[in-house]
N, C-alpha and C. Protein backbone atom coordinates (compact mmCIF):
# COMPACT_ATOMS: atom_id res chain seq x y z
N MET A 1 6.95 18.73 17.21
CA MET A 1 5.69 18.20 17.63
C MET A 1 4.55 19.13 17.20
N GLY A 2 3.44 18.55 16.90
CA GLY A 2 2.22 19.34 16.66
C GLY A 2 1.04 18.79 17.49
N ARG A 3 -0.17 19.20 17.17
CA ARG A 3 -1.27 18.67 17.94
C ARG A 3 -2.55 18.64 17.06
N ILE A 4 -3.23 17.52 17.00
CA ILE A 4 -4.47 17.47 16.32
C ILE A 4 -5.51 18.18 17.25
N VAL A 5 -6.12 19.30 16.72
CA VAL A 5 -6.97 20.05 17.55
C VAL A 5 -8.44 19.93 17.14
N ALA A 6 -8.77 19.41 15.97
CA ALA A 6 -10.15 19.24 15.62
C ALA A 6 -10.16 18.11 14.57
N ILE A 7 -11.34 17.35 14.60
CA ILE A 7 -11.62 16.24 13.71
C ILE A 7 -13.01 16.36 13.17
N HIS A 8 -13.17 16.33 11.87
CA HIS A 8 -14.50 16.45 11.31
C HIS A 8 -14.71 15.23 10.33
N SER A 9 -15.86 14.56 10.46
CA SER A 9 -16.14 13.46 9.61
C SER A 9 -16.46 13.99 8.24
N LEU A 10 -16.12 13.19 7.16
CA LEU A 10 -16.36 13.51 5.81
C LEU A 10 -17.66 12.90 5.33
N GLY A 11 -18.28 12.16 6.21
CA GLY A 11 -19.54 11.50 5.90
C GLY A 11 -20.06 10.74 7.05
N SER A 12 -21.24 10.15 6.85
CA SER A 12 -21.99 9.50 7.97
C SER A 12 -21.70 8.05 8.22
N SER A 13 -20.94 7.35 7.21
CA SER A 13 -20.76 6.01 7.36
C SER A 13 -19.31 5.67 7.71
N LEU A 14 -18.99 4.41 8.05
CA LEU A 14 -17.63 4.01 8.35
C LEU A 14 -16.72 4.04 7.08
N ASN A 15 -17.32 4.17 5.93
CA ASN A 15 -16.51 4.20 4.71
C ASN A 15 -16.04 5.57 4.36
N HIS A 16 -16.50 6.56 5.21
CA HIS A 16 -15.97 7.95 5.01
C HIS A 16 -14.75 8.27 5.87
N GLY A 17 -13.95 9.09 5.44
CA GLY A 17 -12.71 9.51 6.17
C GLY A 17 -12.97 10.61 6.97
N LYS A 18 -11.86 11.40 7.40
CA LYS A 18 -12.01 12.51 8.25
C LYS A 18 -11.09 13.61 7.81
N ARG A 19 -11.47 14.84 8.24
CA ARG A 19 -10.63 16.01 8.05
C ARG A 19 -10.04 16.42 9.30
N LEU A 20 -8.71 16.54 9.41
CA LEU A 20 -8.07 16.88 10.60
C LEU A 20 -7.49 18.31 10.55
N THR A 21 -7.65 19.03 11.64
CA THR A 21 -7.00 20.37 11.82
C THR A 21 -5.80 20.17 12.75
N ILE A 22 -4.61 20.54 12.28
CA ILE A 22 -3.41 20.27 13.07
C ILE A 22 -2.65 21.59 13.36
N GLU A 23 -2.31 21.76 14.63
CA GLU A 23 -1.71 22.96 15.07
C GLU A 23 -0.18 22.73 15.13
N THR A 24 0.63 23.66 14.75
CA THR A 24 2.10 23.46 14.68
C THR A 24 2.75 24.57 15.51
N PRO A 25 4.05 24.38 15.77
CA PRO A 25 4.84 25.48 16.43
C PRO A 25 4.96 26.69 15.49
N ALA A 26 5.06 27.82 16.04
CA ALA A 26 5.23 29.13 15.28
C ALA A 26 6.38 28.96 14.26
N GLY A 27 6.08 29.33 13.01
CA GLY A 27 7.12 29.37 11.99
C GLY A 27 7.31 28.07 11.24
N TYR A 28 6.72 26.94 11.72
CA TYR A 28 6.81 25.67 11.10
C TYR A 28 6.26 25.62 9.68
N LEU A 29 5.18 26.34 9.39
CA LEU A 29 4.50 26.31 8.14
C LEU A 29 5.01 27.42 7.18
N ASP A 30 6.03 28.10 7.54
CA ASP A 30 6.51 29.17 6.60
C ASP A 30 6.87 28.81 5.25
N ASP A 31 7.35 27.48 5.05
CA ASP A 31 7.70 27.02 3.79
C ASP A 31 6.76 25.92 3.28
N VAL A 32 5.64 25.82 3.82
CA VAL A 32 4.69 24.80 3.45
C VAL A 32 3.60 25.37 2.52
N GLY A 33 3.28 24.59 1.40
CA GLY A 33 2.22 25.09 0.57
C GLY A 33 1.25 23.95 0.33
N LEU A 34 0.13 24.22 -0.39
CA LEU A 34 -0.88 23.29 -0.72
C LEU A 34 -0.22 22.07 -1.48
N GLY A 35 -0.66 20.90 -1.11
CA GLY A 35 -0.14 19.70 -1.87
C GLY A 35 1.19 19.15 -1.28
N ASP A 36 1.78 19.85 -0.32
CA ASP A 36 3.01 19.36 0.27
C ASP A 36 2.70 18.13 1.14
N SER A 37 3.72 17.37 1.36
CA SER A 37 3.58 16.12 2.23
C SER A 37 4.18 16.41 3.61
N ILE A 38 3.39 16.01 4.58
CA ILE A 38 3.80 16.05 5.97
C ILE A 38 3.50 14.74 6.58
N ALA A 39 4.45 14.07 7.19
CA ALA A 39 4.14 12.86 7.90
C ALA A 39 3.70 13.18 9.36
N ILE A 40 2.55 12.56 9.73
CA ILE A 40 1.92 12.70 10.99
C ILE A 40 1.92 11.47 11.79
N ASN A 41 2.71 11.40 12.83
CA ASN A 41 2.91 10.08 13.50
C ASN A 41 3.44 9.06 12.54
N GLY A 42 4.26 9.45 11.62
CA GLY A 42 4.87 8.51 10.63
C GLY A 42 4.00 8.16 9.46
N ALA A 43 2.80 8.70 9.29
CA ALA A 43 1.94 8.47 8.15
C ALA A 43 1.97 9.65 7.24
N CYS A 44 2.36 9.50 5.98
CA CYS A 44 2.54 10.63 5.00
C CYS A 44 1.13 11.14 4.60
N MET A 45 0.90 12.38 4.79
CA MET A 45 -0.41 12.98 4.44
C MET A 45 -0.13 14.22 3.53
N THR A 46 -1.20 14.66 2.88
CA THR A 46 -1.11 15.75 1.94
C THR A 46 -1.86 17.01 2.57
N VAL A 47 -1.13 18.12 2.52
CA VAL A 47 -1.72 19.36 3.03
C VAL A 47 -2.76 19.93 2.06
N ILE A 48 -3.99 20.00 2.47
CA ILE A 48 -5.12 20.55 1.61
C ILE A 48 -5.45 22.01 1.87
N THR A 49 -5.15 22.47 3.02
CA THR A 49 -5.28 23.95 3.40
C THR A 49 -4.30 24.31 4.41
N VAL A 50 -3.76 25.53 4.33
CA VAL A 50 -2.76 25.92 5.31
C VAL A 50 -3.07 27.43 5.68
N ASP A 51 -2.93 27.74 7.05
CA ASP A 51 -3.13 29.09 7.56
C ASP A 51 -1.86 29.38 8.35
N VAL A 52 -0.87 29.97 7.71
CA VAL A 52 0.40 30.28 8.31
C VAL A 52 0.21 31.17 9.53
N SER A 53 -0.71 32.20 9.40
CA SER A 53 -0.85 33.16 10.53
C SER A 53 -1.44 32.54 11.82
N GLU A 54 -2.24 31.38 11.61
CA GLU A 54 -2.81 30.70 12.77
C GLU A 54 -2.03 29.44 13.17
N ASN A 55 -0.88 29.20 12.42
CA ASN A 55 -0.06 27.96 12.64
C ASN A 55 -0.87 26.65 12.64
N GLN A 56 -1.70 26.61 11.59
CA GLN A 56 -2.54 25.41 11.41
C GLN A 56 -2.62 24.95 9.95
N PHE A 57 -2.70 23.61 9.71
CA PHE A 57 -2.92 23.13 8.42
C PHE A 57 -3.98 22.00 8.50
N TRP A 58 -4.53 21.66 7.39
CA TRP A 58 -5.59 20.62 7.33
C TRP A 58 -5.16 19.50 6.39
N ILE A 59 -5.62 18.32 6.74
CA ILE A 59 -5.48 17.12 5.85
C ILE A 59 -6.76 16.37 5.81
N GLU A 60 -6.90 15.56 4.81
CA GLU A 60 -8.03 14.61 4.74
C GLU A 60 -7.52 13.20 4.73
N ILE A 61 -7.98 12.37 5.56
CA ILE A 61 -7.47 10.99 5.73
C ILE A 61 -8.57 9.99 5.42
N SER A 62 -8.38 9.08 4.58
CA SER A 62 -9.38 8.13 4.24
C SER A 62 -9.69 7.12 5.28
N ALA A 63 -10.77 6.39 5.13
CA ALA A 63 -11.26 5.45 6.11
C ALA A 63 -10.21 4.26 6.11
N GLU A 64 -9.65 3.92 4.87
CA GLU A 64 -8.63 2.93 4.78
C GLU A 64 -7.33 3.27 5.54
N SER A 65 -6.96 4.50 5.46
CA SER A 65 -5.75 4.90 6.25
C SER A 65 -6.00 4.96 7.72
N LEU A 66 -7.17 5.34 8.13
CA LEU A 66 -7.54 5.36 9.51
C LEU A 66 -7.55 3.97 10.09
N ALA A 67 -7.96 2.97 9.30
CA ALA A 67 -8.04 1.60 9.72
C ALA A 67 -6.63 0.94 9.89
N ARG A 68 -5.65 1.46 9.15
CA ARG A 68 -4.29 0.94 9.13
C ARG A 68 -3.24 1.76 9.96
N THR A 69 -3.68 2.78 10.67
CA THR A 69 -2.80 3.53 11.44
C THR A 69 -3.34 3.77 12.81
N SER A 70 -2.59 4.42 13.69
CA SER A 70 -2.92 4.64 15.01
C SER A 70 -2.65 6.11 15.38
N GLY A 71 -3.45 6.63 16.26
CA GLY A 71 -3.24 8.02 16.78
C GLY A 71 -3.66 9.13 15.86
N LEU A 72 -4.45 8.83 14.82
CA LEU A 72 -4.93 9.93 13.95
C LEU A 72 -6.38 10.16 13.98
N SER A 73 -7.07 9.52 14.88
CA SER A 73 -8.53 9.53 14.91
C SER A 73 -9.05 10.33 16.16
N GLU A 74 -8.12 10.88 16.90
CA GLU A 74 -8.52 11.63 18.14
C GLU A 74 -7.63 12.76 18.38
N PRO A 75 -8.03 13.83 19.02
CA PRO A 75 -7.17 15.01 19.30
C PRO A 75 -6.01 14.57 20.25
N GLY A 76 -4.90 15.26 20.06
CA GLY A 76 -3.76 14.96 20.95
C GLY A 76 -2.44 15.32 20.16
N PRO A 77 -1.30 15.18 20.93
CA PRO A 77 0.00 15.51 20.34
C PRO A 77 0.46 14.49 19.30
N VAL A 78 1.08 14.99 18.29
CA VAL A 78 1.62 14.14 17.22
C VAL A 78 3.00 14.60 16.73
N ASN A 79 3.72 13.64 16.24
CA ASN A 79 4.98 14.00 15.66
C ASN A 79 4.78 14.47 14.19
N LEU A 80 5.55 15.51 13.80
CA LEU A 80 5.38 16.07 12.46
C LEU A 80 6.73 15.98 11.73
N GLU A 81 6.72 15.65 10.44
CA GLU A 81 7.99 15.74 9.67
C GLU A 81 7.69 16.04 8.21
N LYS A 82 8.35 17.11 7.75
CA LYS A 82 8.14 17.54 6.33
C LYS A 82 8.93 16.52 5.40
N ALA A 83 8.56 16.52 4.13
CA ALA A 83 9.29 15.61 3.21
C ALA A 83 10.72 16.07 3.09
N LEU A 84 11.65 15.07 2.92
CA LEU A 84 13.03 15.27 2.75
C LEU A 84 13.32 15.83 1.40
N ARG A 85 14.12 16.86 1.33
CA ARG A 85 14.62 17.49 0.03
C ARG A 85 15.87 16.86 -0.35
N ALA A 86 16.12 16.81 -1.64
CA ALA A 86 17.30 16.02 -2.17
C ALA A 86 18.65 16.54 -1.58
N HIS A 87 18.74 17.91 -1.22
CA HIS A 87 19.98 18.41 -0.72
C HIS A 87 20.09 18.41 0.79
N ASP A 88 19.09 17.87 1.47
CA ASP A 88 19.09 17.92 2.96
C ASP A 88 19.95 16.82 3.51
N ARG A 89 20.43 17.14 4.75
CA ARG A 89 21.28 16.12 5.45
C ARG A 89 20.38 14.96 5.97
N LEU A 90 20.75 13.80 5.73
CA LEU A 90 19.92 12.63 6.20
C LEU A 90 20.42 12.24 7.61
N GLY A 91 19.63 12.60 8.70
CA GLY A 91 20.09 12.42 9.99
C GLY A 91 19.72 11.05 10.59
N GLY A 92 18.70 10.31 9.90
CA GLY A 92 18.36 9.00 10.40
C GLY A 92 18.35 8.08 9.19
N HIS A 93 17.49 7.06 9.24
CA HIS A 93 17.43 6.15 8.05
C HIS A 93 16.32 6.69 7.14
N ILE A 94 16.23 6.11 5.92
CA ILE A 94 15.33 6.61 4.99
C ILE A 94 13.85 6.13 5.33
N VAL A 95 12.98 7.13 5.44
CA VAL A 95 11.62 6.82 5.94
C VAL A 95 10.70 7.33 4.85
N ALA A 96 9.71 6.45 4.42
CA ALA A 96 8.89 6.81 3.38
C ALA A 96 7.48 7.35 3.85
N GLY A 97 7.21 7.16 5.14
CA GLY A 97 5.91 7.56 5.60
C GLY A 97 4.76 6.60 5.24
N HIS A 98 5.10 5.30 5.05
CA HIS A 98 4.15 4.25 4.83
C HIS A 98 4.14 3.35 6.02
N VAL A 99 3.05 3.28 6.68
CA VAL A 99 2.92 2.45 7.89
C VAL A 99 2.76 1.01 7.53
N ASP A 100 3.70 0.18 8.05
CA ASP A 100 3.63 -1.27 7.69
C ASP A 100 2.83 -2.08 8.71
N GLY A 101 2.66 -1.53 9.84
CA GLY A 101 1.88 -2.30 10.84
C GLY A 101 1.77 -1.46 12.11
N ILE A 102 0.84 -1.91 12.94
CA ILE A 102 0.61 -1.21 14.26
C ILE A 102 1.14 -2.12 15.40
N GLY A 103 2.00 -1.51 16.22
CA GLY A 103 2.61 -2.20 17.35
C GLY A 103 1.95 -1.76 18.65
N SER A 104 2.18 -2.60 19.71
CA SER A 104 1.62 -2.23 21.00
C SER A 104 2.69 -2.09 22.02
N VAL A 105 2.77 -1.01 22.76
CA VAL A 105 3.81 -0.77 23.78
C VAL A 105 3.61 -1.74 24.93
N THR A 106 4.60 -2.53 25.24
CA THR A 106 4.56 -3.51 26.39
C THR A 106 5.26 -2.96 27.62
N HIS A 107 6.14 -1.97 27.44
CA HIS A 107 6.96 -1.44 28.55
C HIS A 107 7.51 -0.11 28.13
N PHE A 108 7.39 0.85 29.04
CA PHE A 108 8.02 2.21 28.77
C PHE A 108 8.40 2.70 30.20
N ALA A 109 9.70 2.77 30.54
CA ALA A 109 10.09 3.14 31.87
C ALA A 109 11.52 3.81 31.82
N GLU A 110 11.76 4.70 32.78
CA GLU A 110 13.06 5.34 32.81
C GLU A 110 14.08 4.31 33.38
N VAL A 111 15.26 4.25 32.73
CA VAL A 111 16.39 3.44 33.16
C VAL A 111 17.57 4.40 33.22
N GLY A 112 18.09 4.69 34.37
CA GLY A 112 19.26 5.64 34.43
C GLY A 112 18.76 6.98 33.93
N GLU A 113 19.60 7.52 32.99
CA GLU A 113 19.22 8.79 32.39
C GLU A 113 18.32 8.64 31.13
N SER A 114 18.08 7.43 30.70
CA SER A 114 17.32 7.13 29.45
C SER A 114 16.08 6.46 29.76
N TRP A 115 15.36 6.05 28.72
CA TRP A 115 14.08 5.29 28.86
C TRP A 115 14.17 4.05 27.98
N GLU A 116 13.58 2.91 28.41
CA GLU A 116 13.53 1.74 27.66
C GLU A 116 12.08 1.56 27.16
N LEU A 117 11.97 1.50 25.82
CA LEU A 117 10.69 1.31 25.17
C LEU A 117 10.65 -0.04 24.58
N ARG A 118 9.72 -0.94 24.98
CA ARG A 118 9.54 -2.23 24.32
C ARG A 118 8.22 -2.24 23.60
N ILE A 119 8.20 -2.78 22.41
CA ILE A 119 7.03 -2.80 21.54
C ILE A 119 6.80 -4.22 21.02
N LEU A 120 5.60 -4.63 20.99
CA LEU A 120 5.15 -5.94 20.43
C LEU A 120 4.76 -5.61 18.93
N ALA A 121 5.59 -6.02 17.98
CA ALA A 121 5.29 -5.76 16.59
C ALA A 121 4.57 -6.98 16.04
N PRO A 122 3.82 -6.81 14.99
CA PRO A 122 3.13 -7.90 14.29
C PRO A 122 4.17 -8.96 13.94
N TYR A 123 3.84 -10.27 14.03
CA TYR A 123 4.73 -11.38 13.79
C TYR A 123 5.31 -11.26 12.37
N GLU A 124 4.49 -10.81 11.37
CA GLU A 124 4.93 -10.81 10.03
C GLU A 124 6.04 -9.80 9.77
N LEU A 125 6.18 -8.77 10.65
CA LEU A 125 7.22 -7.75 10.52
C LEU A 125 8.51 -8.25 11.22
N GLY A 126 8.50 -9.32 11.95
CA GLY A 126 9.67 -9.73 12.69
C GLY A 126 10.87 -10.02 11.80
N LYS A 127 10.67 -10.51 10.67
CA LYS A 127 11.82 -10.85 9.75
C LYS A 127 12.53 -9.61 9.29
N TYR A 128 11.98 -8.41 9.39
CA TYR A 128 12.64 -7.20 8.99
C TYR A 128 13.31 -6.43 10.09
N LEU A 129 13.22 -7.02 11.33
CA LEU A 129 13.75 -6.36 12.54
C LEU A 129 15.00 -7.04 12.94
N ALA A 130 16.05 -6.27 13.21
CA ALA A 130 17.32 -6.85 13.49
C ALA A 130 18.07 -6.02 14.57
N TYR A 131 18.91 -6.65 15.38
CA TYR A 131 19.76 -5.95 16.36
C TYR A 131 20.59 -4.85 15.69
N LYS A 132 20.47 -3.63 16.23
CA LYS A 132 21.12 -2.45 15.60
C LYS A 132 20.61 -2.05 14.31
N GLY A 133 19.43 -2.61 13.91
CA GLY A 133 18.73 -2.11 12.69
C GLY A 133 17.89 -0.98 13.05
N SER A 134 17.21 -0.49 12.06
CA SER A 134 16.37 0.75 12.16
C SER A 134 14.88 0.41 12.20
N ILE A 135 14.16 1.18 12.87
CA ILE A 135 12.69 1.06 12.88
C ILE A 135 12.13 2.42 13.11
N THR A 136 10.95 2.73 12.49
CA THR A 136 10.31 4.06 12.72
C THR A 136 9.09 3.77 13.57
N VAL A 137 9.09 4.55 14.69
CA VAL A 137 7.89 4.40 15.61
C VAL A 137 7.24 5.79 15.70
N ASN A 138 6.02 5.79 15.25
CA ASN A 138 5.33 7.11 15.17
C ASN A 138 6.05 8.17 14.47
N GLY A 139 6.78 7.77 13.40
CA GLY A 139 7.62 8.75 12.62
C GLY A 139 8.88 9.01 13.07
N VAL A 140 9.42 8.42 14.24
CA VAL A 140 10.69 8.72 14.80
C VAL A 140 11.64 7.55 14.48
N SER A 141 12.77 7.93 13.79
CA SER A 141 13.73 6.89 13.44
C SER A 141 14.51 6.53 14.65
N LEU A 142 14.45 5.15 14.90
CA LEU A 142 15.17 4.62 16.16
C LEU A 142 15.92 3.45 15.84
N THR A 143 16.86 3.05 16.77
CA THR A 143 17.75 1.87 16.64
C THR A 143 17.26 0.78 17.57
N VAL A 144 17.08 -0.41 17.04
CA VAL A 144 16.67 -1.65 17.79
C VAL A 144 17.86 -2.14 18.63
N ASN A 145 17.58 -2.32 19.85
CA ASN A 145 18.66 -2.88 20.76
C ASN A 145 18.45 -4.36 21.00
N ARG A 146 17.19 -4.85 20.89
CA ARG A 146 17.01 -6.31 21.16
C ARG A 146 15.81 -6.79 20.36
N VAL A 147 15.87 -8.01 19.94
CA VAL A 147 14.75 -8.56 19.14
C VAL A 147 14.41 -9.90 19.80
N ALA A 148 13.10 -10.16 20.10
CA ALA A 148 12.70 -11.44 20.60
C ALA A 148 11.45 -11.95 19.81
N ASP A 149 11.57 -13.01 19.06
CA ASP A 149 10.37 -13.58 18.44
C ASP A 149 9.65 -14.50 19.40
N LEU A 150 8.30 -14.20 19.57
CA LEU A 150 7.60 -15.00 20.54
C LEU A 150 7.28 -16.42 19.98
N THR A 151 7.40 -17.34 20.86
CA THR A 151 7.39 -18.72 20.34
C THR A 151 5.97 -19.17 19.89
N ASP A 152 4.94 -18.35 20.34
CA ASP A 152 3.62 -18.71 19.91
C ASP A 152 3.27 -18.01 18.59
N ARG A 153 4.25 -17.31 17.99
CA ARG A 153 4.05 -16.60 16.77
C ARG A 153 2.99 -15.55 16.84
N THR A 154 2.78 -15.00 18.00
CA THR A 154 1.84 -13.87 18.16
C THR A 154 2.44 -12.49 17.91
N GLY A 155 3.79 -12.51 17.78
CA GLY A 155 4.38 -11.21 17.59
C GLY A 155 5.89 -11.29 17.78
N CYS A 156 6.49 -10.12 17.70
CA CYS A 156 7.97 -9.99 17.84
C CYS A 156 8.19 -8.81 18.69
N GLU A 157 8.81 -8.93 19.89
CA GLU A 157 9.08 -7.83 20.74
C GLU A 157 10.46 -7.22 20.54
N ILE A 158 10.47 -5.94 20.31
CA ILE A 158 11.70 -5.24 20.21
C ILE A 158 11.95 -4.31 21.42
N SER A 159 13.12 -4.03 21.71
CA SER A 159 13.52 -3.12 22.81
C SER A 159 14.29 -1.96 22.15
N ILE A 160 14.02 -0.73 22.68
CA ILE A 160 14.66 0.42 22.06
C ILE A 160 15.05 1.32 23.27
N ASN A 161 16.27 1.93 23.22
CA ASN A 161 16.69 2.88 24.24
C ASN A 161 16.44 4.29 23.66
N LEU A 162 15.79 5.08 24.44
CA LEU A 162 15.49 6.44 24.08
C LEU A 162 16.31 7.37 24.96
N ILE A 163 17.09 8.27 24.40
CA ILE A 163 17.80 9.32 25.13
C ILE A 163 16.89 10.45 25.55
N PRO A 164 17.22 11.20 26.58
CA PRO A 164 16.32 12.21 27.06
C PRO A 164 15.89 13.25 25.92
N HIS A 165 16.83 13.58 25.01
CA HIS A 165 16.46 14.55 24.00
C HIS A 165 15.33 14.02 23.12
N THR A 166 15.33 12.73 22.82
CA THR A 166 14.23 12.13 22.04
C THR A 166 12.91 12.14 22.79
N VAL A 167 12.90 11.82 24.03
CA VAL A 167 11.72 11.76 24.87
C VAL A 167 11.16 13.19 24.96
N HIS A 168 11.93 14.09 25.24
CA HIS A 168 11.50 15.53 25.49
C HIS A 168 11.04 16.22 24.19
N ASN A 169 11.54 15.82 23.10
CA ASN A 169 11.24 16.57 21.82
C ASN A 169 10.33 15.82 20.88
N THR A 170 9.72 14.78 21.23
CA THR A 170 8.78 13.99 20.46
C THR A 170 7.57 13.63 21.25
N ALA A 171 6.58 13.24 20.53
CA ALA A 171 5.30 12.84 21.23
C ALA A 171 5.38 11.41 21.85
N LEU A 172 6.58 10.76 21.67
CA LEU A 172 6.79 9.50 22.31
C LEU A 172 6.74 9.63 23.86
N GLN A 173 6.89 10.79 24.33
CA GLN A 173 6.86 10.97 25.79
C GLN A 173 5.51 10.64 26.35
N HIS A 174 4.48 10.63 25.56
CA HIS A 174 3.13 10.41 26.02
C HIS A 174 2.77 8.91 25.97
N LEU A 175 3.67 8.05 25.51
CA LEU A 175 3.31 6.64 25.37
C LEU A 175 3.28 5.94 26.75
N HIS A 176 2.57 4.88 26.88
CA HIS A 176 2.47 4.12 28.09
C HIS A 176 2.13 2.67 27.69
N ALA A 177 2.21 1.70 28.57
CA ALA A 177 1.93 0.32 28.29
C ALA A 177 0.45 0.27 27.63
N LYS A 178 0.39 -0.49 26.51
CA LYS A 178 -0.84 -0.72 25.74
C LYS A 178 -1.07 0.40 24.71
N SER A 179 -0.23 1.37 24.65
CA SER A 179 -0.37 2.45 23.61
C SER A 179 -0.17 1.79 22.24
N GLN A 180 -0.89 2.18 21.24
CA GLN A 180 -0.74 1.69 19.88
C GLN A 180 0.17 2.64 19.11
N VAL A 181 1.10 2.07 18.36
CA VAL A 181 2.08 2.93 17.67
C VAL A 181 2.14 2.46 16.21
N ASN A 182 2.47 3.48 15.29
CA ASN A 182 2.68 3.15 13.81
C ASN A 182 4.11 2.70 13.68
N LEU A 183 4.27 1.67 12.92
CA LEU A 183 5.62 1.04 12.66
C LEU A 183 5.91 1.11 11.17
N GLU A 184 7.15 1.49 10.88
CA GLU A 184 7.59 1.43 9.46
C GLU A 184 8.94 0.73 9.43
N ILE A 185 9.06 -0.35 8.67
CA ILE A 185 10.36 -1.06 8.67
C ILE A 185 11.30 -0.32 7.74
N ASP A 186 12.62 -0.75 7.83
CA ASP A 186 13.62 -0.14 7.04
C ASP A 186 13.34 -0.40 5.53
N LEU A 187 13.32 0.66 4.75
CA LEU A 187 13.05 0.55 3.32
C LEU A 187 14.00 -0.37 2.62
N ILE A 188 15.27 -0.40 3.03
CA ILE A 188 16.19 -1.29 2.34
C ILE A 188 15.89 -2.69 2.55
N ALA A 189 15.31 -3.08 3.67
CA ALA A 189 14.93 -4.46 3.98
C ALA A 189 13.88 -4.99 2.95
N ARG A 190 13.03 -4.02 2.46
CA ARG A 190 12.06 -4.46 1.49
C ARG A 190 12.71 -4.89 0.22
N TYR A 191 13.72 -4.14 -0.23
CA TYR A 191 14.37 -4.45 -1.49
C TYR A 191 15.21 -5.74 -1.43
N VAL A 192 15.85 -5.92 -0.19
CA VAL A 192 16.64 -7.09 0.04
C VAL A 192 15.75 -8.32 -0.06
N GLU A 193 14.55 -8.23 0.61
CA GLU A 193 13.67 -9.39 0.48
C GLU A 193 13.24 -9.68 -0.94
N ARG A 194 12.93 -8.70 -1.64
CA ARG A 194 12.49 -8.85 -3.01
C ARG A 194 13.58 -9.44 -3.89
N MET A 195 14.85 -9.07 -3.73
CA MET A 195 15.96 -9.58 -4.41
C MET A 195 16.18 -11.08 -4.13
N LEU A 196 16.07 -11.37 -2.82
CA LEU A 196 16.26 -12.81 -2.38
C LEU A 196 15.15 -13.72 -2.93
N GLN A 197 13.99 -13.15 -3.25
CA GLN A 197 12.92 -13.96 -3.76
C GLN A 197 13.25 -14.36 -5.21
N ASN A 198 14.04 -13.58 -5.83
CA ASN A 198 14.57 -13.92 -7.22
C ASN A 198 13.40 -14.19 -8.10
N GLY A 199 12.35 -13.35 -8.08
CA GLY A 199 11.34 -13.42 -9.02
C GLY A 199 10.15 -14.37 -8.61
N ARG A 200 10.36 -15.04 -7.45
CA ARG A 200 9.33 -15.93 -6.98
C ARG A 200 8.14 -15.12 -6.47
N THR A 201 6.94 -15.72 -6.51
CA THR A 201 5.77 -15.09 -6.01
C THR A 201 5.80 -15.05 -4.49
N PRO A 202 5.76 -13.87 -3.85
CA PRO A 202 5.86 -13.84 -2.37
C PRO A 202 4.63 -14.50 -1.72
N GLU A 203 4.89 -15.04 -0.55
CA GLU A 203 3.79 -15.72 0.28
C GLU A 203 2.82 -14.58 0.68
N PRO A 204 1.50 -14.85 0.73
CA PRO A 204 0.48 -13.93 1.14
C PRO A 204 0.67 -13.54 2.55
């Protein structure tokens, strides 16, 4: 986990992005250099400045990216993940750091020793979500336990079980009902959909 500690506007209009200062745990930046990719709450960003001695790095995020993500426009805790190297162990599913949509937390409560997290995802993402399939929430690779398409086509609600380790070691612990979260669907689902289209023009 890291923390956005400062935000500076890159201009005076809504078309301008922002520069973010992000604080990290000690030692996290030891192998990070300029131009490296770090996902912040699941959104892949480029390191433009790094200060290893102060445990801080800086990114610039465009107005377009701010409009299509959540949790990157104000100070607070964030999940951090460096880019996967080819020889690294893959502990979750393949995550590209591309936010496909913003979901809204509908329920987050302790159940036994774990927590149940329910999220209302945009309706158009529902076809990519499956029981025991993978979903990335604010950059955290998680397993879907239940899927329910809303009959009024306003969304698709998924239920996820979080073990204590996940809650205590990620910024997901700060979620609550109505929190907005960044969602990334399983990368493989994208390719399956494209193959099934068999060259047909996808629906808008």
